[in-house]
N, C-alpha and C. Protein backbone atom coordinates (compact mmCIF):
# COMPACT_ATOMS: atom_id res chain seq x y z
N MET A 1 -0.78 -14.21 -15.11
CA MET A 1 -0.72 -13.38 -13.94
C MET A 1 -2.10 -13.31 -12.89
N GLU A 2 -2.99 -14.11 -12.68
CA GLU A 2 -3.94 -13.65 -11.59
C GLU A 2 -3.17 -13.92 -9.97
N SER A 3 -2.33 -14.70 -10.13
CA SER A 3 -1.61 -15.78 -9.18
C SER A 3 -0.26 -13.95 -8.66
N LYS A 4 0.10 -13.31 -9.19
CA LYS A 4 1.18 -13.19 -9.46
C LYS A 4 0.23 -11.47 -8.53
N LEU A 5 -0.82 -10.95 -9.07
CA LEU A 5 -1.45 -9.55 -9.27
C LEU A 5 -2.19 -9.93 -7.87
N ASN A 6 -2.20 -11.42 -6.85
CA ASN A 6 -3.04 -11.36 -5.56
C ASN A 6 -2.14 -11.02 -4.75
N SER A 7 -0.46 -11.42 -5.48
CA SER A 7 0.73 -11.56 -3.99
C SER A 7 0.71 -10.18 -3.91
N MET A 8 0.73 -9.62 -5.24
CA MET A 8 0.84 -7.78 -4.90
C MET A 8 -0.30 -7.44 -4.39
N LEU A 9 -1.50 -7.49 -4.82
CA LEU A 9 -2.41 -6.89 -3.83
C LEU A 9 -2.05 -6.95 -2.04
N ASP A 10 -1.42 -8.77 -2.14
CA ASP A 10 -1.47 -8.84 -0.42
C ASP A 10 -0.32 -7.84 -0.31
N GLN A 11 0.75 -7.32 -0.94
CA GLN A 11 1.43 -7.01 0.17
C GLN A 11 0.73 -5.56 -0.58
N ASN A 12 0.55 -4.81 -1.21
CA ASN A 12 -0.05 -3.66 -1.16
C ASN A 12 -1.82 -3.10 -1.21
N PRO A 13 -2.61 -2.86 -0.50
CA PRO A 13 -3.43 -3.01 -1.32
C PRO A 13 -3.85 -1.71 -2.42
N MET A 14 -2.95 -0.80 -2.15
CA MET A 14 -3.21 0.48 -3.25
C MET A 14 -2.86 -0.13 -5.42
N ARG A 15 -2.99 -1.42 -4.82
CA ARG A 15 -2.51 -1.58 -5.66
C ARG A 15 -3.45 -2.47 -6.87
N ILE A 16 -4.55 -2.19 -6.51
CA ILE A 16 -5.82 -2.65 -7.13
C ILE A 16 -6.15 -2.37 -8.35
N ASP A 17 -5.98 -0.88 -8.76
CA ASP A 17 -5.61 -0.17 -9.88
C ASP A 17 -5.67 -1.56 -11.41
N TYR A 18 -4.44 -2.42 -10.73
CA TYR A 18 -3.52 -3.00 -11.74
C TYR A 18 -4.77 -4.42 -11.89
N TYR A 19 -5.13 -4.72 -10.96
CA TYR A 19 -6.24 -6.14 -10.63
C TYR A 19 -6.90 -5.95 -11.63
N GLU A 20 -7.87 -4.10 -11.42
CA GLU A 20 -8.84 -3.83 -12.15
C GLU A 20 -8.69 -3.93 -13.33
N LYS A 21 -6.97 -3.61 -13.81
CA LYS A 21 -6.66 -3.66 -14.97
C LYS A 21 -6.82 -4.71 -16.33
N TYR A 22 -6.52 -5.99 -15.32
CA TYR A 22 -6.52 -7.41 -15.71
C TYR A 22 -7.74 -7.89 -15.64
N GLN A 23 -9.03 -7.29 -15.03
CA GLN A 23 -10.08 -7.94 -15.13
C GLN A 23 -10.67 -7.52 -16.12
N ALA A 24 -10.71 -6.13 -16.53
CA ALA A 24 -11.34 -5.80 -17.82
C ALA A 24 -10.50 -6.10 -19.08
N ILE A 25 -9.29 -6.61 -18.63
CA ILE A 25 -8.64 -6.95 -20.70
C ILE A 25 -9.35 -8.50 -20.65
N ILE A 26 -10.00 -9.02 -19.35
CA ILE A 26 -9.86 -10.66 -19.53
C ILE A 26 -11.62 -10.42 -20.44
N ALA A 27 -12.40 -9.43 -19.49
CA ALA A 27 -13.41 -9.62 -19.61
C ALA A 27 -14.11 -9.18 -21.13
N GLU A 28 -12.51 -8.21 -22.12
CA GLU A 28 -12.75 -7.82 -23.06
C GLU A 28 -12.49 -9.24 -24.08
N TYR A 29 -11.41 -10.30 -23.78
CA TYR A 29 -11.15 -11.17 -24.46
C TYR A 29 -12.19 -11.98 -24.31
N ASN A 30 -13.22 -12.09 -23.11
CA ASN A 30 -14.26 -12.96 -23.62
C ASN A 30 -15.68 -12.36 -23.89
N ARG A 31 -15.86 -11.07 -23.98
CA ARG A 31 -16.22 -10.57 -25.32
C ARG A 31 -16.23 -10.52 -26.38
N GLY A 32 -15.26 -11.08 -27.40
CA GLY A 32 -14.57 -10.96 -28.19
C GLY A 32 -13.72 -12.36 -28.71
N LYS A 33 -13.77 -12.91 -29.75
CA LYS A 33 -13.34 -13.33 -30.05
C LYS A 33 -12.85 -14.31 -31.28
N GLU A 34 -12.17 -12.67 -31.71
CA GLU A 34 -11.62 -12.59 -32.70
C GLU A 34 -10.74 -12.35 -33.45
N ALA A 35 -9.91 -13.04 -34.14
CA ALA A 35 -8.05 -12.94 -34.48
C ALA A 35 -7.68 -11.47 -33.64
N VAL A 36 -8.25 -10.49 -34.61
CA VAL A 36 -7.69 -9.44 -34.68
C VAL A 36 -7.74 -9.02 -32.53
N THR A 37 -8.66 -9.07 -32.34
CA THR A 37 -9.05 -8.50 -31.04
C THR A 37 -8.61 -9.49 -29.84
N ILE A 38 -8.11 -10.68 -29.89
CA ILE A 38 -7.16 -11.26 -29.15
C ILE A 38 -5.55 -11.45 -29.43
N GLU A 39 -5.21 -11.19 -30.64
CA GLU A 39 -3.87 -9.99 -30.73
C GLU A 39 -3.88 -8.47 -29.40
N GLU A 40 -4.88 -8.10 -30.09
CA GLU A 40 -5.28 -6.91 -28.89
C GLU A 40 -5.29 -7.13 -27.58
N ILE A 41 -5.61 -7.92 -27.24
CA ILE A 41 -6.27 -8.53 -25.79
C ILE A 41 -4.55 -9.29 -25.24
N PHE A 42 -4.03 -9.92 -26.03
CA PHE A 42 -2.49 -9.96 -25.86
C PHE A 42 -1.45 -9.42 -25.47
N ARG A 43 -1.87 -7.93 -26.71
CA ARG A 43 -0.47 -6.98 -26.33
C ARG A 43 -1.09 -6.19 -25.04
N LYS A 44 -1.84 -6.62 -24.79
CA LYS A 44 -2.90 -5.66 -23.76
C LYS A 44 -1.97 -6.33 -22.40
N LEU A 45 -2.10 -7.18 -22.74
CA LEU A 45 -1.48 -8.28 -20.85
C LEU A 45 -0.30 -8.05 -21.44
N ARG A 46 -0.06 -8.39 -22.24
CA ARG A 46 2.47 -8.28 -22.20
C ARG A 46 2.41 -6.67 -21.24
N GLU A 47 1.49 -5.49 -21.91
CA GLU A 47 1.96 -4.02 -21.13
C GLU A 47 1.00 -4.19 -19.95
N LEU A 48 0.63 -4.91 -19.44
CA LEU A 48 -0.02 -5.36 -17.55
C LEU A 48 1.46 -5.95 -17.14
N VAL A 49 1.90 -7.19 -18.28
CA VAL A 49 2.99 -7.70 -17.29
C VAL A 49 4.10 -6.73 -16.81
N GLU A 50 4.09 -5.86 -18.25
CA GLU A 50 5.34 -4.59 -18.06
C GLU A 50 5.09 -3.74 -16.94
N GLU A 51 4.09 -3.38 -17.05
CA GLU A 51 3.73 -2.53 -15.48
C GLU A 51 3.78 -3.20 -14.47
N LEU A 52 3.41 -4.41 -14.52
CA LEU A 52 3.41 -4.83 -13.09
C LEU A 52 5.12 -5.04 -12.25
N SER A 53 6.08 -5.87 -13.44
CA SER A 53 7.12 -5.70 -12.98
C SER A 53 7.77 -4.16 -12.48
N GLU A 54 7.31 -3.21 -13.07
CA GLU A 54 7.82 -1.95 -13.19
C GLU A 54 7.02 -1.47 -11.97
N GLU A 55 6.07 -1.65 -10.71
CA GLU A 55 5.81 -1.81 -10.28
C GLU A 55 6.38 -2.44 -8.35
N GLU A 56 6.23 -4.09 -9.48
CA GLU A 56 7.77 -4.27 -8.10
C GLU A 56 8.92 -4.14 -7.94
N ALA A 57 9.67 -3.11 -9.13
CA ALA A 57 10.55 -2.99 -8.74
C ALA A 57 10.52 -1.33 -7.96
N ARG A 58 9.48 -0.29 -8.02
CA ARG A 58 9.13 0.47 -7.25
C ARG A 58 9.38 0.48 -6.32
N ALA A 59 9.52 -0.39 -5.78
CA ALA A 59 10.65 -0.25 -3.79
C ALA A 59 11.56 0.42 -3.52
N ALA A 60 12.19 -0.27 -4.31
CA ALA A 60 13.80 -0.03 -4.51
C ALA A 60 13.59 1.29 -4.91
N ARG A 61 13.01 1.82 -6.14
CA ARG A 61 13.34 2.99 -6.62
C ARG A 61 13.57 3.63 -5.27
N GLU A 62 12.39 3.57 -5.01
CA GLU A 62 11.57 4.74 -3.80
C GLU A 62 12.75 4.47 -2.26
N ASP A 63 13.79 3.29 -2.66
CA ASP A 63 14.35 2.58 -1.14
C ASP A 63 13.58 2.61 0.23
N LEU A 64 12.25 2.14 -0.01
CA LEU A 64 11.57 1.84 0.71
C LEU A 64 11.66 0.11 0.73
N SER A 65 11.24 -0.78 1.83
CA SER A 65 11.30 -1.68 1.92
C SER A 65 9.42 -2.65 0.85
N GLU A 66 8.85 -2.93 0.54
CA GLU A 66 7.13 -3.50 0.47
C GLU A 66 6.70 -2.88 1.92
N ASN A 67 6.65 -3.02 2.80
CA ASN A 67 5.77 -2.14 3.61
C ASN A 67 5.48 -0.98 3.97
N GLU A 68 6.86 -0.68 3.89
CA GLU A 68 7.37 0.94 3.92
C GLU A 68 6.89 1.51 2.51
N LEU A 69 6.53 1.37 2.10
CA LEU A 69 6.19 0.94 0.72
C LEU A 69 4.27 1.92 0.35
N THR A 70 4.20 0.40 1.05
CA THR A 70 2.44 0.29 1.12
C THR A 70 1.91 1.73 1.67
N ILE A 71 2.44 2.33 3.24
CA ILE A 71 2.33 2.96 3.84
C ILE A 71 2.85 4.19 3.29
N PHE A 72 3.64 4.31 2.86
CA PHE A 72 4.00 5.67 1.79
C PHE A 72 2.88 5.88 1.29
N ASP A 73 2.79 5.02 0.31
CA ASP A 73 1.21 4.40 -0.30
C ASP A 73 0.14 5.54 0.02
N LEU A 74 -0.59 4.71 1.82
CA LEU A 74 -1.91 4.88 1.79
C LEU A 74 -1.62 7.07 2.64
N LEU A 75 -0.15 7.12 3.60
CA LEU A 75 0.31 8.53 3.68
C LEU A 75 -0.36 9.07 1.79
N ARG A 76 0.16 9.26 0.91
CA ARG A 76 0.07 10.13 0.30
C ARG A 76 -1.11 9.95 -0.40
N GLN A 77 -1.88 8.92 -0.99
CA GLN A 77 -3.36 8.79 -1.60
C GLN A 77 -4.35 10.32 -1.42
N GLY A 78 -4.50 10.39 -2.78
CA GLY A 78 -5.41 11.53 -2.34
C GLY A 78 -4.80 12.75 -2.26
N LYS A 79 -3.36 13.37 -2.08
CA LYS A 79 -2.50 14.33 -1.74
C LYS A 79 -1.67 14.09 -3.03
N ASN A 80 -1.67 15.72 -3.57
CA ASN A 80 -0.43 15.51 -4.84
C ASN A 80 0.81 16.85 -3.44
N LEU A 81 1.56 15.91 -3.51
CA LEU A 81 2.54 16.87 -2.66
C LEU A 81 3.60 16.99 -3.44
N SER A 82 4.53 17.99 -3.02
CA SER A 82 5.55 18.44 -3.07
C SER A 82 7.00 18.11 -3.15
N ASP A 83 8.38 17.82 -3.93
CA ASP A 83 8.62 17.14 -3.31
C ASP A 83 9.55 16.99 -2.27
N LYS A 84 9.42 18.60 -1.91
CA LYS A 84 9.56 17.99 -0.03
C LYS A 84 9.04 17.39 1.09
N ASP A 85 7.44 17.53 0.46
CA ASP A 85 7.02 16.94 1.29
C ASP A 85 6.87 15.34 0.69
N ARG A 86 6.53 15.22 -0.36
CA ARG A 86 6.65 13.70 -1.03
C ARG A 86 8.10 13.18 -0.22
N HIS A 87 9.24 13.50 0.07
CA HIS A 87 10.53 13.62 0.51
C HIS A 87 9.90 12.70 2.21
N GLU A 88 9.28 14.21 2.78
CA GLU A 88 8.86 14.43 4.37
C GLU A 88 8.05 12.75 4.26
N VAL A 89 6.89 12.89 3.79
CA VAL A 89 6.55 11.68 3.82
C VAL A 89 7.10 9.76 3.47
N LYS A 90 8.21 10.36 2.78
CA LYS A 90 8.59 8.85 2.56
C LYS A 90 9.44 8.47 4.15
N GLU A 91 9.84 9.86 4.82
CA GLU A 91 10.53 9.41 5.61
C GLU A 91 9.41 9.01 7.01
N ILE A 92 8.14 9.55 6.74
CA ILE A 92 8.00 9.41 8.03
C ILE A 92 7.12 8.08 7.95
N ALA A 93 6.76 7.50 6.80
CA ALA A 93 6.81 5.77 6.71
C ALA A 93 7.43 4.89 7.03
N ARG A 94 8.77 5.52 6.79
CA ARG A 94 10.24 4.37 7.58
C ARG A 94 10.21 5.13 8.70
N GLY A 95 10.11 5.96 8.57
CA GLY A 95 9.99 6.37 10.71
C GLY A 95 8.52 5.63 11.76
N LEU A 96 7.99 5.50 11.18
CA LEU A 96 6.79 4.86 12.18
C LEU A 96 6.66 3.10 11.45
N LEU A 97 6.82 2.89 11.00
CA LEU A 97 7.20 1.02 10.99
C LEU A 97 8.59 0.68 11.55
N GLN A 98 9.78 1.74 11.65
CA GLN A 98 10.39 1.17 12.58
C GLN A 98 10.43 0.90 13.94
N GLN A 99 9.28 2.27 14.21
CA GLN A 99 9.66 2.77 15.83
C GLN A 99 8.28 1.52 16.06
N LEU A 100 7.20 1.35 14.99
CA LEU A 100 6.48 0.15 16.02
C LEU A 100 7.01 -1.71 15.48
N GLU A 101 8.28 -1.58 14.71
CA GLU A 101 8.14 -3.14 14.63
C GLU A 101 9.23 -2.67 15.90
N ALA A 102 10.49 -1.64 16.32
CA ALA A 102 10.77 -2.34 17.19
C ALA A 102 10.11 -2.52 18.62
N ASP A 103 9.00 -2.61 19.39
CA ASP A 103 8.28 -2.36 20.52
C ASP A 103 6.42 -3.11 19.51
N LYS A 104 5.89 -2.47 19.26
CA LYS A 104 3.99 -2.83 19.40
C LYS A 104 4.36 -3.99 18.34
N LEU A 105 4.23 -3.96 17.43
CA LEU A 105 4.15 -5.20 15.98
C LEU A 105 4.94 -6.47 16.86
N GLN A 106 5.73 -6.69 18.10
CA GLN A 106 6.91 -7.41 18.28
C GLN A 106 6.01 -8.13 19.08
N VAL A 107 4.81 -8.22 19.61
CA VAL A 107 4.32 -8.94 20.32
C VAL A 107 3.16 -10.01 19.16
N ASP A 108 3.50 -10.85 19.78
CA ASP A 108 2.89 -12.49 19.08
C ASP A 108 1.04 -11.98 18.99
N ARG A 109 0.58 -11.70 17.78
CA ARG A 109 -1.06 -11.76 17.53
C ARG A 109 -1.63 -10.86 18.79
N TRP A 110 -0.76 -9.32 18.10
CA TRP A 110 -0.94 -8.22 18.58
C TRP A 110 -2.40 -7.63 18.14
N ALA A 111 -2.51 -8.02 17.08
CA ALA A 111 -4.34 -7.16 16.75
C ALA A 111 -5.52 -7.91 17.39
N GLU A 112 -5.08 -9.35 17.98
CA GLU A 112 -6.26 -10.27 18.84
C GLU A 112 -6.41 -9.65 20.56
N LYS A 113 -5.20 -8.63 20.42
CA LYS A 113 -5.32 -7.85 21.82
C LYS A 113 -5.78 -6.80 22.41
N ALA A 114 -7.01 -6.17 22.63
CA ALA A 114 -7.97 -5.10 22.63
C ALA A 114 -6.57 -4.11 22.69
N GLN A 115 -5.93 -4.36 24.13
CA GLN A 115 -4.65 -3.23 24.07
C GLN A 115 -3.86 -2.44 23.82
N THR A 116 -2.89 -3.83 22.87
CA THR A 116 -2.38 -4.02 22.37
C THR A 116 -2.73 -2.71 20.70
N ALA A 117 -3.31 -3.58 20.19
CA ALA A 117 -4.25 -2.66 19.43
C ALA A 117 -4.40 -1.19 19.63
N ALA A 118 -5.11 -1.56 20.22
CA ALA A 118 -5.34 0.25 20.36
C ALA A 118 -4.27 0.94 20.94
N ALA A 119 -2.81 0.50 21.78
CA ALA A 119 -1.40 0.81 21.42
C ALA A 119 -0.64 1.49 21.36
N VAL A 120 -0.85 0.07 19.40
CA VAL A 120 -1.13 0.59 18.01
C VAL A 120 -1.99 1.92 17.81
N ARG A 121 -3.03 1.60 17.70
CA ARG A 121 -3.62 2.73 16.72
C ARG A 121 -2.86 3.79 17.60
N ASN A 122 -2.70 3.87 18.82
CA ASN A 122 -2.40 5.18 19.64
C ASN A 122 -1.00 5.98 18.91
N VAL A 123 -0.07 5.19 18.79
CA VAL A 123 1.78 5.62 18.42
C VAL A 123 1.59 6.10 16.99
N ILE A 124 0.76 5.39 16.42
CA ILE A 124 0.55 5.59 14.45
C ILE A 124 -0.77 7.25 15.00
N SER A 125 -0.86 7.29 15.09
CA SER A 125 -1.65 8.85 15.48
C SER A 125 -1.39 9.13 16.14
N ASP A 126 0.03 9.12 17.44
CA ASP A 126 0.31 10.65 17.82
C ASP A 126 1.54 10.52 16.87
N PHE A 127 2.56 9.70 16.46
CA PHE A 127 3.51 9.90 14.96
C PHE A 127 2.95 10.36 13.96
N LEU A 128 1.42 9.93 13.08
CA LEU A 128 0.76 11.10 12.11
C LEU A 128 0.84 12.75 12.63
N PHE A 129 -0.26 12.36 13.65
CA PHE A 129 -0.20 13.95 14.03
C PHE A 129 1.20 14.66 14.65
N THR A 130 1.46 14.44 15.03
CA THR A 130 3.47 14.64 15.47
C THR A 130 4.27 15.41 13.67
N GLN A 131 4.11 14.41 12.95
CA GLN A 131 5.23 14.27 12.08
C GLN A 131 4.21 14.59 10.34
N LEU A 132 2.75 14.49 10.27
CA LEU A 132 2.94 15.01 9.14
C LEU A 132 2.65 15.77 8.68
N PRO A 133 3.03 17.15 7.65
CA PRO A 133 3.34 18.23 7.05
C PRO A 133 1.92 18.81 6.68
N TYR A 134 2.17 20.51 7.68
CA TYR A 134 0.87 20.87 7.96
C TYR A 134 1.08 22.13 7.69
N PRO A 135 0.05 22.68 6.34
CA PRO A 135 -1.49 22.47 6.24
C PRO A 135 -2.01 21.19 4.93
N THR A 136 -0.43 20.90 4.47
CA THR A 136 -0.53 19.81 3.37
C THR A 136 -2.15 18.36 4.23
N TYR A 137 -1.52 17.74 5.38
CA TYR A 137 -2.81 17.02 6.27
C TYR A 137 -3.50 17.95 7.23
N ASP A 138 -4.39 17.89 7.18
CA ASP A 138 -5.18 18.96 8.46
C ASP A 138 -5.81 17.54 9.34
N GLU A 139 -5.81 17.92 10.51
CA GLU A 139 -7.18 17.02 11.18
C GLU A 139 -7.62 15.85 11.04
N GLY A 140 -8.49 16.53 9.65
CA GLY A 140 -9.85 14.93 9.48
C GLY A 140 -8.76 14.06 8.58
N ASP A 141 -7.39 14.63 7.36
CA ASP A 141 -6.83 14.12 6.74
C ASP A 141 -6.40 13.19 7.47
N ILE A 142 -5.73 13.18 8.77
CA ILE A 142 -4.47 12.53 9.94
C ILE A 142 -5.26 12.03 10.21
N ASP A 143 -6.49 11.53 11.18
CA ASP A 143 -7.85 10.94 11.16
C ASP A 143 -8.12 9.85 10.62
N SER A 144 -7.96 9.97 8.97
CA SER A 144 -8.68 9.09 8.02
C SER A 144 -7.44 8.32 8.13
N LYS A 145 -5.56 9.06 7.84
CA LYS A 145 -4.43 8.13 7.55
C LYS A 145 -4.37 7.24 8.40
N VAL A 146 -4.14 7.34 9.89
CA VAL A 146 -4.66 6.63 11.47
C VAL A 146 -5.05 5.50 11.22
N GLU A 147 -6.09 6.06 10.52
CA GLU A 147 -7.46 4.64 10.41
C GLU A 147 -6.56 3.47 8.83
N MET A 148 -6.20 3.85 7.97
CA MET A 148 -5.37 3.08 6.76
C MET A 148 -4.85 2.76 7.28
N VAL A 149 -3.63 2.98 7.55
CA VAL A 149 -2.24 2.41 8.28
C VAL A 149 -2.84 1.25 9.39
N PHE A 150 -3.54 1.80 9.88
CA PHE A 150 -3.82 1.11 11.16
C PHE A 150 -4.75 -0.23 10.32
N GLU A 151 -5.51 0.16 9.73
CA GLU A 151 -6.08 -1.43 9.24
C GLU A 151 -5.09 -2.45 8.25
N TYR A 152 -4.02 -1.75 7.75
CA TYR A 152 -3.27 -2.20 7.19
C TYR A 152 -2.35 -2.89 7.71
N LEU A 153 -1.80 -2.82 8.72
CA LEU A 153 -0.83 -3.21 9.19
C LEU A 153 -1.73 -4.40 10.47
N ARG A 154 -3.19 -4.38 10.59
CA ARG A 154 -3.81 -5.02 11.69
C ARG A 154 -4.40 -6.46 10.84
N THR A 155 -4.71 -6.24 9.30
CA THR A 155 -4.45 -7.09 8.58
C THR A 155 -3.17 -7.94 8.13
N GLY A 156 -2.35 -7.09 8.30
CA GLY A 156 -1.01 -8.29 7.57
C GLY A 156 -0.71 -8.38 8.88
N TYR A 157 0.37 -6.72 9.77
CA TYR A 157 0.70 -7.94 10.72
C TYR A 157 0.25 -8.49 12.20
N GLY A 158 -0.82 -8.28 10.99
CA GLY A 158 -2.11 -8.89 13.13
C GLY A 158 -2.22 -10.63 12.44
N ARG A 159 -1.93 -11.07 11.27
CA ARG A 159 -2.29 -12.25 10.95
C ARG A 159 -0.46 -12.88 11.19
N GLY A 160 0.30 -11.58 11.01
CA GLY A 160 1.57 -12.08 10.65
C GLY A 160 2.24 -12.28 9.21
N VAL A 161 1.23 -12.04 8.73
CA VAL A 161 1.79 -12.00 6.62
C VAL A 161 2.39 -11.50 6.62
N ALA A 162 2.61 -9.86 7.20
CA ALA A 162 3.85 -8.97 6.33
C ALA A 162 4.92 -9.25 7.82
N ALA A 163 5.27 -9.20 8.84
CA ALA A 163 5.85 -9.17 9.91
C ALA A 163 7.47 -9.88 9.10
């Protein structure tokens, strides 16, 4: 299970709550060794496995790739979006990644090259500033989202993990 969780976290760091839930269950197990406690812990682990399976299927349900889903999750984090805005943000995540993959992310080891990394950040910034719905996203929100998306791409695509 820990291996599966680590793999899911590598794909989408927004899934950290599942890892924290797993750690809490293991800590509970280590505190109590009674049969009833152990049965309860295994029940919780089974529920967590079901939640993980559901989370793994979410990209398909959202009609997004894993990378698009991660960007979508980063963009909507901390926001209570209307259905219209949610759909719009989903399309923005898809469009941003497509634009970057068609050009800047094709450069080998782009994150190690200051000029290319700056160009990637600029594309993200320009795209989000022109596309994210206002007033749902203000300038401060967008600056924050630019950094989150850039960091995700830098650590994933920059090492060749997510490409």
